[in-house]
Amino acid sequence: MNRKKKINETLKKRIKKANAKLNKSTKPRYISKAERATLDDEAALVTETVDATSETITDSEIESTVN
């Protein structure tokens, strides 16, 4: 009886592992601290450039309305 039980347990474990591999994980991918810092720096640069371009656009619009 023990031999049959042991075989069934190992087969069930294999099936369980195979099913776990097929299912996608809902857990987000890990991002290291250094990678997060670089992403934050890039985001800051993008916002600075957007702010600078919006300022130049408003300045040019003001000049065109004045002229």
Protein backbone atom coordinates (compact mmCIF):
# COMPACT_ATOMS: atom_id res chain seq x y z
CA MET A 1 0.00 0.00 0.00
CA ASN A 2 2.79 2.42 0.80
CA ARG A 3 4.41 1.92 -2.60
CA LYS A 4 1.17 2.78 -4.44
CA LYS A 5 0.61 5.79 -2.24
CA LYS A 6 4.16 7.04 -2.81
CA ILE A 7 3.84 6.64 -6.59
CA ASN A 8 0.52 8.48 -6.64
CA GLU A 9 1.95 11.30 -4.52
CA THR A 10 4.92 11.80 -6.84
CA LEU A 11 2.66 11.77 -9.91
CA LYS A 12 0.34 14.31 -8.31
CA LYS A 13 3.32 16.52 -7.46
CA ARG A 14 4.49 16.40 -11.08
CA ILE A 15 1.04 17.32 -12.37
CA LYS A 16 0.77 20.16 -9.86
CA LYS A 17 4.17 21.57 -10.91
CA ALA A 18 3.26 21.32 -14.60
CA ASN A 19 -0.01 23.19 -14.01
CA ALA A 20 1.78 25.85 -11.98
CA LYS A 21 4.16 26.49 -14.88
CA LEU A 22 1.25 26.91 -17.30
CA ASN A 23 -0.54 29.50 -15.17
CA LYS A 24 0.75 33.04 -15.41
CA SER A 25 1.83 34.73 -12.26
CA THR A 26 -0.07 37.85 -11.23
CA LYS A 27 2.90 39.02 -9.21
CA PRO A 28 4.71 42.01 -10.79
CA ARG A 29 8.28 41.63 -11.96
CA TYR A 30 10.91 42.61 -9.38
CA ILE A 31 12.71 45.88 -10.09
CA SER A 32 15.95 46.45 -8.20
CA LYS A 33 16.61 49.61 -6.23
CA ALA A 34 19.26 50.81 -8.69
CA GLU A 35 16.95 50.20 -11.64
CA ARG A 36 14.16 52.13 -9.91
CA ALA A 37 16.56 55.05 -9.36
CA THR A 38 17.51 55.16 -13.04
CA LEU A 39 13.84 55.00 -14.06
CA ASP A 40 13.05 57.89 -11.70
CA ASP A 41 15.93 59.94 -13.15
CA GLU A 42 14.70 59.30 -16.69
CA ALA A 43 11.16 60.26 -15.72
CA ALA A 44 12.45 63.47 -14.14
CA LEU A 45 14.34 64.35 -17.33
CA VAL A 46 11.24 63.75 -19.42
CA THR A 47 9.11 65.97 -17.21
CA GLU A 48 11.76 68.70 -17.29
CA THR A 49 11.90 68.64 -21.08
CA VAL A 50 8.10 68.68 -21.29
CA ASP A 51 7.97 71.66 -18.92
CA ALA A 52 10.65 73.48 -20.90
CA THR A 53 8.89 72.89 -24.23
CA SER A 54 5.54 73.97 -22.82
CA GLU A 55 7.14 77.18 -21.51
CA THR A 56 8.66 77.96 -24.91
CA ILE A 57 5.33 77.29 -26.59
CA THR A 58 3.47 79.64 -24.28
CA ASP A 59 6.18 82.28 -24.69
CA SER A 60 5.95 82.06 -28.48
CA GLU A 61 2.15 82.23 -28.33
CA ILE A 62 2.32 85.34 -26.16
CA GLU A 63 4.80 86.99 -28.54
CA SER A 64 2.60 86.20 -31.55
CA THR A 65 -0.47 87.69 -29.89
CA VAL A 66 1.48 90.82 -28.92
CA ASN A 67 2.77 91.36 -32.47
